[in-house]
Amino acid sequence: NKNIGIGCADGRIGKKMIHTGDTGTQWGIGKEELMERISES
C-alpha cells in the first residue's frame, strides 16, 4: 500500500498532495490523514 501509494504518485504533484497538510507546507500533515491519503493513492 505505501510503496504503491507513494511510489506511483506523480513526483511533483502527487507526492506533494499526499504529504501537504492544511498548513500548505510539505510534511505538515497529520499522521492518520497521511495514512489515509497514501491508501487513497
PDB file of all heavy atoms in Angstrom:
ATOM      1  N   ASN A   1       0.827  -1.203   0.000  1.00  0.00           N
ATOM      2  CA  ASN A   1       0.000   0.000   0.000  1.00  0.00           C
ATOM      3  C   ASN A   1       0.861   1.252   0.000  1.00  0.00           C
ATOM      4  O   ASN A   1       0.670   2.147  -0.828  1.00  0.00           O
ATOM      5  CB  ASN A   1      -0.939  -0.013   1.208  1.00  0.00           C
ATOM      6  CG  ASN A   1      -1.917   1.141   1.207  1.00  0.00           C
ATOM      7  OD1 ASN A   1      -2.750   1.246   0.331  1.00  0.00           O
ATOM      8  ND2 ASN A   1      -1.808   2.006   2.205  1.00  0.00           N
ATOM      9  N   LYS A   2       1.803   1.336   0.899  1.00  0.00           N
ATOM     10  CA  LYS A   2       2.662   2.533   0.988  1.00  0.00           C
ATOM     11  C   LYS A   2       3.530   2.661  -0.246  1.00  0.00           C
ATOM     12  O   LYS A   2       3.659   3.738  -0.824  1.00  0.00           O
ATOM     13  CB  LYS A   2       3.524   2.481   2.254  1.00  0.00           C
ATOM     14  CG  LYS A   2       4.192   3.804   2.637  1.00  0.00           C
ATOM     15  CD  LYS A   2       5.422   4.181   1.875  1.00  0.00           C
ATOM     16  CE  LYS A   2       6.599   3.283   2.151  1.00  0.00           C
ATOM     17  NZ  LYS A   2       7.804   3.732   1.404  1.00  0.00           N
ATOM     18  N   ASN A   3       4.103   1.556  -0.694  1.00  0.00           N
ATOM     19  CA  ASN A   3       5.005   1.625  -1.842  1.00  0.00           C
ATOM     20  C   ASN A   3       4.282   2.022  -3.124  1.00  0.00           C
ATOM     21  O   ASN A   3       4.828   2.764  -3.943  1.00  0.00           O
ATOM     22  CB  ASN A   3       5.751   0.306  -2.014  1.00  0.00           C
ATOM     23  CG  ASN A   3       6.769   0.109  -0.909  1.00  0.00           C
ATOM     24  OD1 ASN A   3       7.295   1.077  -0.364  1.00  0.00           O
ATOM     25  ND2 ASN A   3       7.041  -1.123  -0.556  1.00  0.00           N
ATOM     26  N   ILE A   4       3.058   1.555  -3.305  1.00  0.00           N
ATOM     27  CA  ILE A   4       2.284   1.943  -4.481  1.00  0.00           C
ATOM     28  C   ILE A   4       1.702   3.336  -4.303  1.00  0.00           C
ATOM     29  O   ILE A   4       1.737   4.162  -5.215  1.00  0.00           O
ATOM     30  CB  ILE A   4       1.180   0.899  -4.765  1.00  0.00           C
ATOM     31  CG1 ILE A   4       1.819  -0.395  -5.253  1.00  0.00           C
ATOM     32  CG2 ILE A   4       0.168   1.429  -5.778  1.00  0.00           C
ATOM     33  CD1 ILE A   4       0.869  -1.563  -5.329  1.00  0.00           C
ATOM     34  N   GLY A   5       1.159   3.605  -3.117  1.00  0.00           N
ATOM     35  CA  GLY A   5       0.534   4.897  -2.859  1.00  0.00           C
ATOM     36  C   GLY A   5       1.479   6.066  -3.009  1.00  0.00           C
ATOM     37  O   GLY A   5       1.112   7.115  -3.550  1.00  0.00           O
ATOM     38  N   ILE A   6       2.696   5.909  -2.558  1.00  0.00           N
ATOM     39  CA  ILE A   6       3.704   6.963  -2.698  1.00  0.00           C
ATOM     40  C   ILE A   6       4.493   6.777  -3.991  1.00  0.00           C
ATOM     41  O   ILE A   6       4.714   7.713  -4.742  1.00  0.00           O
ATOM     42  CB  ILE A   6       4.666   6.982  -1.484  1.00  0.00           C
ATOM     43  CG1 ILE A   6       3.914   7.353  -0.209  1.00  0.00           C
ATOM     44  CG2 ILE A   6       5.838   7.927  -1.707  1.00  0.00           C
ATOM     45  CD1 ILE A   6       3.376   8.767  -0.177  1.00  0.00           C
ATOM     46  N   GLY A   7       4.914   5.548  -4.252  1.00  0.00           N
ATOM     47  CA  GLY A   7       5.783   5.274  -5.405  1.00  0.00           C
ATOM     48  C   GLY A   7       5.143   5.542  -6.746  1.00  0.00           C
ATOM     49  O   GLY A   7       5.825   5.923  -7.701  1.00  0.00           O
ATOM     50  N   CYS A   8       3.837   5.367  -6.866  1.00  0.00           N
ATOM     51  CA  CYS A   8       3.161   5.590  -8.147  1.00  0.00           C
ATOM     52  C   CYS A   8       2.559   6.980  -8.255  1.00  0.00           C
ATOM     53  O   CYS A   8       1.979   7.330  -9.279  1.00  0.00           O
ATOM     54  CB  CYS A   8       2.086   4.522  -8.377  1.00  0.00           C
ATOM     55  SG  CYS A   8       2.778   2.884  -8.669  1.00  0.00           S
ATOM     56  N   ALA A   9       2.696   7.773  -7.201  1.00  0.00           N
ATOM     57  CA  ALA A   9       2.194   9.154  -7.255  1.00  0.00           C
ATOM     58  C   ALA A   9       3.176  10.011  -8.047  1.00  0.00           C
ATOM     59  O   ALA A   9       4.394   9.849  -7.933  1.00  0.00           O
ATOM     60  CB  ALA A   9       2.030   9.708  -5.834  1.00  0.00           C
ATOM     61  N   ASP A  10       2.652  10.925  -8.842  1.00  0.00           N
ATOM     62  CA  ASP A  10       3.478  11.838  -9.615  1.00  0.00           C
ATOM     63  C   ASP A  10       4.460  12.562  -8.687  1.00  0.00           C
ATOM     64  O   ASP A  10       4.089  12.994  -7.598  1.00  0.00           O
ATOM     65  CB  ASP A  10       2.578  12.853 -10.319  1.00  0.00           C
ATOM     66  CG  ASP A  10       3.371  13.912 -11.046  1.00  0.00           C
ATOM     67  OD1 ASP A  10       3.896  13.614 -12.130  1.00  0.00           O
ATOM     68  OD2 ASP A  10       3.498  15.034 -10.497  1.00  0.00           O
ATOM     69  N   GLY A  11       5.697  12.684  -9.125  1.00  0.00           N
ATOM     70  CA  GLY A  11       6.753  13.268  -8.300  1.00  0.00           C
ATOM     71  C   GLY A  11       6.510  14.697  -7.877  1.00  0.00           C
ATOM     72  O   GLY A  11       6.734  15.064  -6.734  1.00  0.00           O
ATOM     73  N   ARG A  12       6.066  15.545  -8.780  1.00  0.00           N
ATOM     74  CA  ARG A  12       5.894  16.965  -8.445  1.00  0.00           C
ATOM     75  C   ARG A  12       4.547  17.256  -7.816  1.00  0.00           C
ATOM     76  O   ARG A  12       4.440  18.070  -6.910  1.00  0.00           O
ATOM     77  CB  ARG A  12       6.052  17.817  -9.693  1.00  0.00           C
ATOM     78  CG  ARG A  12       7.478  18.012 -10.123  1.00  0.00           C
ATOM     79  CD  ARG A  12       7.632  19.049 -11.241  1.00  0.00           C
ATOM     80  NE  ARG A  12       6.463  19.870 -11.451  1.00  0.00           N
ATOM     81  CZ  ARG A  12       5.769  19.909 -12.595  1.00  0.00           C
ATOM     82  NH1 ARG A  12       6.099  19.173 -13.607  1.00  0.00           N
ATOM     83  NH2 ARG A  12       4.723  20.710 -12.708  1.00  0.00           N
ATOM     84  N   ILE A  13       3.510  16.611  -8.312  1.00  0.00           N
ATOM     85  CA  ILE A  13       2.164  16.955  -7.864  1.00  0.00           C
ATOM     86  C   ILE A  13       1.610  15.933  -6.878  1.00  0.00           C
ATOM     87  O   ILE A  13       1.164  16.281  -5.789  1.00  0.00           O
ATOM     88  CB  ILE A  13       1.215  17.115  -9.074  1.00  0.00           C
ATOM     89  CG1 ILE A  13       1.728  18.237  -9.973  1.00  0.00           C
ATOM     90  CG2 ILE A  13      -0.206  17.381  -8.616  1.00  0.00           C
ATOM     91  CD1 ILE A  13       1.074  18.296 -11.331  1.00  0.00           C
ATOM     92  N   GLY A  14       1.618  14.658  -7.249  1.00  0.00           N
ATOM     93  CA  GLY A  14       1.002  13.616  -6.432  1.00  0.00           C
ATOM     94  C   GLY A  14       1.606  13.473  -5.050  1.00  0.00           C
ATOM     95  O   GLY A  14       0.892  13.431  -4.044  1.00  0.00           O
ATOM     96  N   LYS A  15       2.925  13.395  -4.996  1.00  0.00           N
ATOM     97  CA  LYS A  15       3.584  13.241  -3.696  1.00  0.00           C
ATOM     98  C   LYS A  15       3.329  14.463  -2.814  1.00  0.00           C
ATOM     99  O   LYS A  15       3.120  14.350  -1.611  1.00  0.00           O
ATOM    100  CB  LYS A  15       5.074  12.974  -3.877  1.00  0.00           C
ATOM    101  CG  LYS A  15       5.367  11.576  -4.399  1.00  0.00           C
ATOM    102  CD  LYS A  15       6.852  11.383  -4.659  1.00  0.00           C
ATOM    103  CE  LYS A  15       7.208   9.999  -5.134  1.00  0.00           C
ATOM    104  NZ  LYS A  15       6.498   9.502  -6.281  1.00  0.00           N
ATOM    105  N   LYS A  16       3.331  15.643  -3.413  1.00  0.00           N
ATOM    106  CA  LYS A  16       3.066  16.863  -2.653  1.00  0.00           C
ATOM    107  C   LYS A  16       1.637  16.856  -2.116  1.00  0.00           C
ATOM    108  O   LYS A  16       1.389  17.243  -0.977  1.00  0.00           O
ATOM    109  CB  LYS A  16       3.303  18.102  -3.517  1.00  0.00           C
ATOM    110  CG  LYS A  16       3.176  19.397  -2.740  1.00  0.00           C
ATOM    111  CD  LYS A  16       3.526  20.595  -3.588  1.00  0.00           C
ATOM    112  CE  LYS A  16       3.423  21.853  -2.748  1.00  0.00           C
ATOM    113  NZ  LYS A  16       3.722  23.049  -3.527  1.00  0.00           N
ATOM    114  N   MET A  17       0.673  16.391  -2.931  1.00  0.00           N
ATOM    115  CA  MET A  17      -0.715  16.328  -2.477  1.00  0.00           C
ATOM    116  C   MET A  17      -0.871  15.374  -1.295  1.00  0.00           C
ATOM    117  O   MET A  17      -1.656  15.632  -0.389  1.00  0.00           O
ATOM    118  CB  MET A  17      -1.623  15.880  -3.618  1.00  0.00           C
ATOM    119  CG  MET A  17      -1.811  16.927  -4.699  1.00  0.00           C
ATOM    120  SD  MET A  17      -2.734  16.301  -6.113  1.00  0.00           S
ATOM    121  CE  MET A  17      -4.343  16.064  -5.388  1.00  0.00           C
ATOM    122  N   ILE A  18      -0.121  14.289  -1.298  1.00  0.00           N
ATOM    123  CA  ILE A  18      -0.206  13.307  -0.223  1.00  0.00           C
ATOM    124  C   ILE A  18       0.423  13.848   1.064  1.00  0.00           C
ATOM    125  O   ILE A  18      -0.125  13.689   2.147  1.00  0.00           O
ATOM    126  CB  ILE A  18       0.470  11.979  -0.643  1.00  0.00           C
ATOM    127  CG1 ILE A  18      -0.335  11.314  -1.763  1.00  0.00           C
ATOM    128  CG2 ILE A  18       0.608  11.032   0.555  1.00  0.00           C
ATOM    129  CD1 ILE A  18       0.386  10.176  -2.445  1.00  0.00           C
ATOM    130  N   HIS A  19       1.551  14.532   0.951  1.00  0.00           N
ATOM    131  CA  HIS A  19       2.313  14.954   2.125  1.00  0.00           C
ATOM    132  C   HIS A  19       1.964  16.341   2.667  1.00  0.00           C
ATOM    133  O   HIS A  19       2.413  16.704   3.746  1.00  0.00           O
ATOM    134  CB  HIS A  19       3.818  14.943   1.808  1.00  0.00           C
ATOM    135  CG  HIS A  19       4.428  13.588   1.778  1.00  0.00           C
ATOM    136  ND1 HIS A  19       4.589  12.816   2.898  1.00  0.00           N
ATOM    137  CD2 HIS A  19       4.925  12.851   0.754  1.00  0.00           C
ATOM    138  CE1 HIS A  19       5.159  11.674   2.582  1.00  0.00           C
ATOM    139  NE2 HIS A  19       5.365  11.661   1.283  1.00  0.00           N
ATOM    140  N   THR A  20       1.196  17.139   1.948  1.00  0.00           N
ATOM    141  CA  THR A  20       0.953  18.511   2.360  1.00  0.00           C
ATOM    142  C   THR A  20      -0.352  18.624   3.135  1.00  0.00           C
ATOM    143  O   THR A  20      -1.405  18.232   2.662  1.00  0.00           O
ATOM    144  CB  THR A  20       0.911  19.451   1.136  1.00  0.00           C
ATOM    145  OG1 THR A  20       2.143  19.321   0.439  1.00  0.00           O
ATOM    146  CG2 THR A  20       0.726  20.898   1.567  1.00  0.00           C
ATOM    147  N   GLY A  21      -0.273  19.194   4.309  1.00  0.00           N
ATOM    148  CA  GLY A  21      -1.457  19.361   5.161  1.00  0.00           C
ATOM    149  C   GLY A  21      -2.118  20.707   4.963  1.00  0.00           C
ATOM    150  O   GLY A  21      -1.803  21.447   4.025  1.00  0.00           O
ATOM    151  N   ASP A  22      -3.026  21.035   5.869  1.00  0.00           N
ATOM    152  CA  ASP A  22      -3.773  22.292   5.791  1.00  0.00           C
ATOM    153  C   ASP A  22      -2.876  23.514   5.888  1.00  0.00           C
ATOM    154  O   ASP A  22      -3.256  24.600   5.460  1.00  0.00           O
ATOM    155  CB  ASP A  22      -4.827  22.354   6.896  1.00  0.00           C
ATOM    156  CG  ASP A  22      -5.914  21.298   6.710  1.00  0.00           C
ATOM    157  OD1 ASP A  22      -6.138  20.873   5.556  1.00  0.00           O
ATOM    158  OD2 ASP A  22      -6.520  20.898   7.715  1.00  0.00           O
ATOM    159  N   THR A  23      -1.691  23.360   6.456  1.00  0.00           N
ATOM    160  CA  THR A  23      -0.775  24.493   6.587  1.00  0.00           C
ATOM    161  C   THR A  23      -0.198  24.903   5.238  1.00  0.00           C
ATOM    162  O   THR A  23       0.347  25.989   5.112  1.00  0.00           O
ATOM    163  CB  THR A  23       0.395  24.140   7.530  1.00  0.00           C
ATOM    164  OG1 THR A  23       1.154  23.075   6.936  1.00  0.00           O
ATOM    165  CG2 THR A  23      -0.101  23.722   8.900  1.00  0.00           C
ATOM    166  N   GLY A  24      -0.299  24.035   4.238  1.00  0.00           N
ATOM    167  CA  GLY A  24       0.257  24.337   2.923  1.00  0.00           C
ATOM    168  C   GLY A  24       1.738  24.014   2.815  1.00  0.00           C
ATOM    169  O   GLY A  24       2.336  24.183   1.769  1.00  0.00           O
ATOM    170  N   THR A  25       2.320  23.557   3.924  1.00  0.00           N
ATOM    171  CA  THR A  25       3.734  23.207   3.885  1.00  0.00           C
ATOM    172  C   THR A  25       3.894  21.695   3.773  1.00  0.00           C
ATOM    173  O   THR A  25       3.124  20.935   4.359  1.00  0.00           O
ATOM    174  CB  THR A  25       4.471  23.685   5.153  1.00  0.00           C
ATOM    175  OG1 THR A  25       3.855  23.087   6.289  1.00  0.00           O
ATOM    176  CG2 THR A  25       4.409  25.197   5.285  1.00  0.00           C
ATOM    177  N   GLN A  26       4.892  21.313   2.978  1.00  0.00           N
ATOM    178  CA  GLN A  26       5.124  19.884   2.831  1.00  0.00           C
ATOM    179  C   GLN A  26       5.528  19.300   4.175  1.00  0.00           C
ATOM    180  O   GLN A  26       6.191  19.944   4.968  1.00  0.00           O
ATOM    181  CB  GLN A  26       6.215  19.621   1.798  1.00  0.00           C
ATOM    182  CG  GLN A  26       6.221  18.169   1.364  1.00  0.00           C
ATOM    183  CD  GLN A  26       6.960  17.961   0.058  1.00  0.00           C
ATOM    184  OE1 GLN A  26       7.493  18.889  -0.501  1.00  0.00           O
ATOM    185  NE2 GLN A  26       6.992  16.733  -0.401  1.00  0.00           N
ATOM    186  N   TRP A  27       5.109  18.066   4.436  1.00  0.00           N
ATOM    187  CA  TRP A  27       5.320  17.320   5.671  1.00  0.00           C
ATOM    188  C   TRP A  27       4.451  17.861   6.795  1.00  0.00           C
ATOM    189  O   TRP A  27       4.611  17.482   7.938  1.00  0.00           O
ATOM    190  CB  TRP A  27       6.788  17.300   6.114  1.00  0.00           C
ATOM    191  CG  TRP A  27       7.751  17.060   5.017  1.00  0.00           C
ATOM    192  CD1 TRP A  27       8.698  17.903   4.563  1.00  0.00           C
ATOM    193  CD2 TRP A  27       7.866  15.874   4.199  1.00  0.00           C
ATOM    194  NE1 TRP A  27       9.388  17.352   3.511  1.00  0.00           N
ATOM    195  CE2 TRP A  27       8.896  16.098   3.277  1.00  0.00           C
ATOM    196  CE3 TRP A  27       7.176  14.668   4.147  1.00  0.00           C
ATOM    197  CZ2 TRP A  27       9.255  15.159   2.333  1.00  0.00           C
ATOM    198  CZ3 TRP A  27       7.546  13.731   3.197  1.00  0.00           C
ATOM    199  CH2 TRP A  27       8.580  13.978   2.311  1.00  0.00           C
ATOM    200  N   GLY A  28       3.507  18.760   6.503  1.00  0.00           N
ATOM    201  CA  GLY A  28       2.679  19.345   7.546  1.00  0.00           C
ATOM    202  C   GLY A  28       1.339  18.652   7.698  1.00  0.00           C
ATOM    203  O   GLY A  28       0.344  19.322   7.905  1.00  0.00           O
ATOM    204  N   ILE A  29       1.303  17.350   7.599  1.00  0.00           N
ATOM    205  CA  ILE A  29       0.050  16.616   7.620  1.00  0.00           C
ATOM    206  C   ILE A  29      -0.003  15.703   8.842  1.00  0.00           C
ATOM    207  O   ILE A  29       1.031  15.192   9.291  1.00  0.00           O
ATOM    208  CB  ILE A  29      -0.112  15.802   6.319  1.00  0.00           C
ATOM    209  CG1 ILE A  29      -1.506  15.217   6.205  1.00  0.00           C
ATOM    210  CG2 ILE A  29       0.940  14.743   6.191  1.00  0.00           C
ATOM    211  CD1 ILE A  29      -1.805  14.645   4.834  1.00  0.00           C
ATOM    212  N   GLY A  30      -1.187  15.512   9.362  1.00  0.00           N
ATOM    213  CA  GLY A  30      -1.372  14.616  10.494  1.00  0.00           C
ATOM    214  C   GLY A  30      -1.110  13.167  10.099  1.00  0.00           C
ATOM    215  O   GLY A  30      -1.309  12.775   8.951  1.00  0.00           O
ATOM    216  N   LYS A  31      -0.677  12.384  11.052  1.00  0.00           N
ATOM    217  CA  LYS A  31      -0.264  11.005  10.771  1.00  0.00           C
ATOM    218  C   LYS A  31      -1.392  10.142  10.218  1.00  0.00           C
ATOM    219  O   LYS A  31      -1.196   9.400   9.254  1.00  0.00           O
ATOM    220  CB  LYS A  31       0.330  10.388  12.027  1.00  0.00           C
ATOM    221  CG  LYS A  31       1.635  11.044  12.433  1.00  0.00           C
ATOM    222  CD  LYS A  31       2.140  10.540  13.757  1.00  0.00           C
ATOM    223  CE  LYS A  31       3.430  11.267  14.096  1.00  0.00           C
ATOM    224  NZ  LYS A  31       3.714  11.281  15.491  1.00  0.00           N
ATOM    225  N   GLU A  32      -2.561  10.203  10.811  1.00  0.00           N
ATOM    226  CA  GLU A  32      -3.665   9.364  10.320  1.00  0.00           C
ATOM    227  C   GLU A  32      -4.134   9.840   8.948  1.00  0.00           C
ATOM    228  O   GLU A  32      -4.447   9.029   8.084  1.00  0.00           O
ATOM    229  CB  GLU A  32      -4.809   9.337  11.331  1.00  0.00           C
ATOM    230  CG  GLU A  32      -4.367   8.686  12.624  1.00  0.00           C
ATOM    231  CD  GLU A  32      -5.366   7.716  13.196  1.00  0.00           C
ATOM    232  OE1 GLU A  32      -6.503   7.650  12.699  1.00  0.00           O
ATOM    233  OE2 GLU A  32      -4.982   7.014  14.145  1.00  0.00           O
ATOM    234  N   GLU A  33      -4.172  11.143   8.749  1.00  0.00           N
ATOM    235  CA  GLU A  33      -4.569  11.658   7.436  1.00  0.00           C
ATOM    236  C   GLU A  33      -3.561  11.240   6.370  1.00  0.00           C
ATOM    237  O   GLU A  33      -3.942  10.920   5.240  1.00  0.00           O
ATOM    238  CB  GLU A  33      -4.705  13.180   7.469  1.00  0.00           C
ATOM    239  CG  GLU A  33      -5.238  13.739   6.168  1.00  0.00           C
ATOM    240  CD  GLU A  33      -5.413  15.253   6.179  1.00  0.00           C
ATOM    241  OE1 GLU A  33      -5.145  15.895   7.211  1.00  0.00           O
ATOM    242  OE2 GLU A  33      -5.825  15.777   5.136  1.00  0.00           O
ATOM    243  N   LEU A  34      -2.294  11.220   6.720  1.00  0.00           N
ATOM    244  CA  LEU A  34      -1.274  10.767   5.768  1.00  0.00           C
ATOM    245  C   LEU A  34      -1.525   9.313   5.381  1.00  0.00           C
ATOM    246  O   LEU A  34      -1.474   8.958   4.198  1.00  0.00           O
ATOM    247  CB  LEU A  34       0.130  10.926   6.354  1.00  0.00           C
ATOM    248  CG  LEU A  34       1.258  10.355   5.488  1.00  0.00           C
ATOM    249  CD1 LEU A  34       1.353  11.098   4.160  1.00  0.00           C
ATOM    250  CD2 LEU A  34       2.583  10.418   6.239  1.00  0.00           C
ATOM    251  N   MET A  35      -1.813   8.451   6.356  1.00  0.00           N
ATOM    252  CA  MET A  35      -2.080   7.040   6.055  1.00  0.00           C
ATOM    253  C   MET A  35      -3.282   6.905   5.122  1.00  0.00           C
ATOM    254  O   MET A  35      -3.296   6.072   4.216  1.00  0.00           O
ATOM    255  CB  MET A  35      -2.344   6.235   7.329  1.00  0.00           C
ATOM    256  CG  MET A  35      -1.217   6.223   8.355  1.00  0.00           C
ATOM    257  SD  MET A  35       0.361   5.728   7.694  1.00  0.00           S
ATOM    258  CE  MET A  35       1.287   7.203   8.035  1.00  0.00           C
ATOM    259  N   GLU A  36      -4.290   7.752   5.339  1.00  0.00           N
ATOM    260  CA  GLU A  36      -5.490   7.707   4.509  1.00  0.00           C
ATOM    261  C   GLU A  36      -5.193   8.184   3.091  1.00  0.00           C
ATOM    262  O   GLU A  36      -5.641   7.585   2.117  1.00  0.00           O
ATOM    263  CB  GLU A  36      -6.605   8.522   5.162  1.00  0.00           C
ATOM    264  CG  GLU A  36      -7.092   7.875   6.448  1.00  0.00           C
ATOM    265  CD  GLU A  36      -7.996   8.745   7.291  1.00  0.00           C
ATOM    266  OE1 GLU A  36      -8.347   9.881   6.857  1.00  0.00           O
ATOM    267  OE2 GLU A  36      -8.376   8.292   8.390  1.00  0.00           O
ATOM    268  N   ARG A  37      -4.408   9.242   2.967  1.00  0.00           N
ATOM    269  CA  ARG A  37      -4.056   9.741   1.630  1.00  0.00           C
ATOM    270  C   ARG A  37      -3.201   8.726   0.877  1.00  0.00           C
ATOM    271  O   ARG A  37      -3.361   8.545  -0.329  1.00  0.00           O
ATOM    272  CB  ARG A  37      -3.339  11.078   1.731  1.00  0.00           C
ATOM    273  CG  ARG A  37      -4.251  12.207   2.124  1.00  0.00           C
ATOM    274  CD  ARG A  37      -3.533  13.519   2.059  1.00  0.00           C
ATOM    275  NE  ARG A  37      -4.379  14.602   2.504  1.00  0.00           N
ATOM    276  CZ  ARG A  37      -4.013  15.876   2.433  1.00  0.00           C
ATOM    277  NH1 ARG A  37      -2.833  16.206   1.947  1.00  0.00           N
ATOM    278  NH2 ARG A  37      -4.826  16.813   2.850  1.00  0.00           N
ATOM    279  N   ILE A  38      -2.278   8.088   1.572  1.00  0.00           N
ATOM    280  CA  ILE A  38      -1.464   7.050   0.937  1.00  0.00           C
ATOM    281  C   ILE A  38      -2.376   5.937   0.413  1.00  0.00           C
ATOM    282  O   ILE A  38      -2.229   5.468  -0.719  1.00  0.00           O
ATOM    283  CB  ILE A  38      -0.421   6.482   1.929  1.00  0.00           C
ATOM    284  CG1 ILE A  38       0.678   7.510   2.206  1.00  0.00           C
ATOM    285  CG2 ILE A  38       0.183   5.180   1.402  1.00  0.00           C
ATOM    286  CD1 ILE A  38       1.610   7.128   3.350  1.00  0.00           C
ATOM    287  N   SER A  39      -3.321   5.519   1.235  1.00  0.00           N
ATOM    288  CA  SER A  39      -4.240   4.442   0.855  1.00  0.00           C
ATOM    289  C   SER A  39      -5.128   4.853  -0.320  1.00  0.00           C
ATOM    290  O   SER A  39      -5.380   4.045  -1.224  1.00  0.00           O
ATOM    291  CB  SER A  39      -5.096   4.020   2.049  1.00  0.00           C
ATOM    292  OG  SER A  39      -4.265   3.537   3.091  1.00  0.00           O
ATOM    293  N   GLU A  40      -5.596   6.078  -0.324  1.00  0.00           N
ATOM    294  CA  GLU A  40      -6.421   6.557  -1.435  1.00  0.00           C
ATOM    295  C   GLU A  40      -5.618   6.573  -2.730  1.00  0.00           C
ATOM    296  O   GLU A  40      -6.132   6.212  -3.798  1.00  0.00           O
ATOM    297  CB  GLU A  40      -6.979   7.941  -1.117  1.00  0.00           C
ATOM    298  CG  GLU A  40      -8.030   7.913  -0.023  1.00  0.00           C
ATOM    299  CD  GLU A  40      -8.347   9.270   0.581  1.00  0.00           C
ATOM    300  OE1 GLU A  40      -7.677  10.273   0.225  1.00  0.00           O
ATOM    301  OE2 GLU A  40      -9.259   9.335   1.434  1.00  0.00           O
ATOM    302  N   SER A  41      -4.365   6.975  -2.645  1.00  0.00           N
ATOM    303  CA  SER A  41      -3.500   6.973  -3.819  1.00  0.00           C
ATOM    304  C   SER A  41      -3.264   5.546  -4.320  1.00  0.00           C
ATOM    305  O   SER A  41      -3.338   5.273  -5.522  1.00  0.00           O
ATOM    306  CB  SER A  41      -2.161   7.643  -3.471  1.00  0.00           C
ATOM    307  OG  SER A  41      -1.269   7.577  -4.563  1.00  0.00           O
TER     308      SER A  41
END
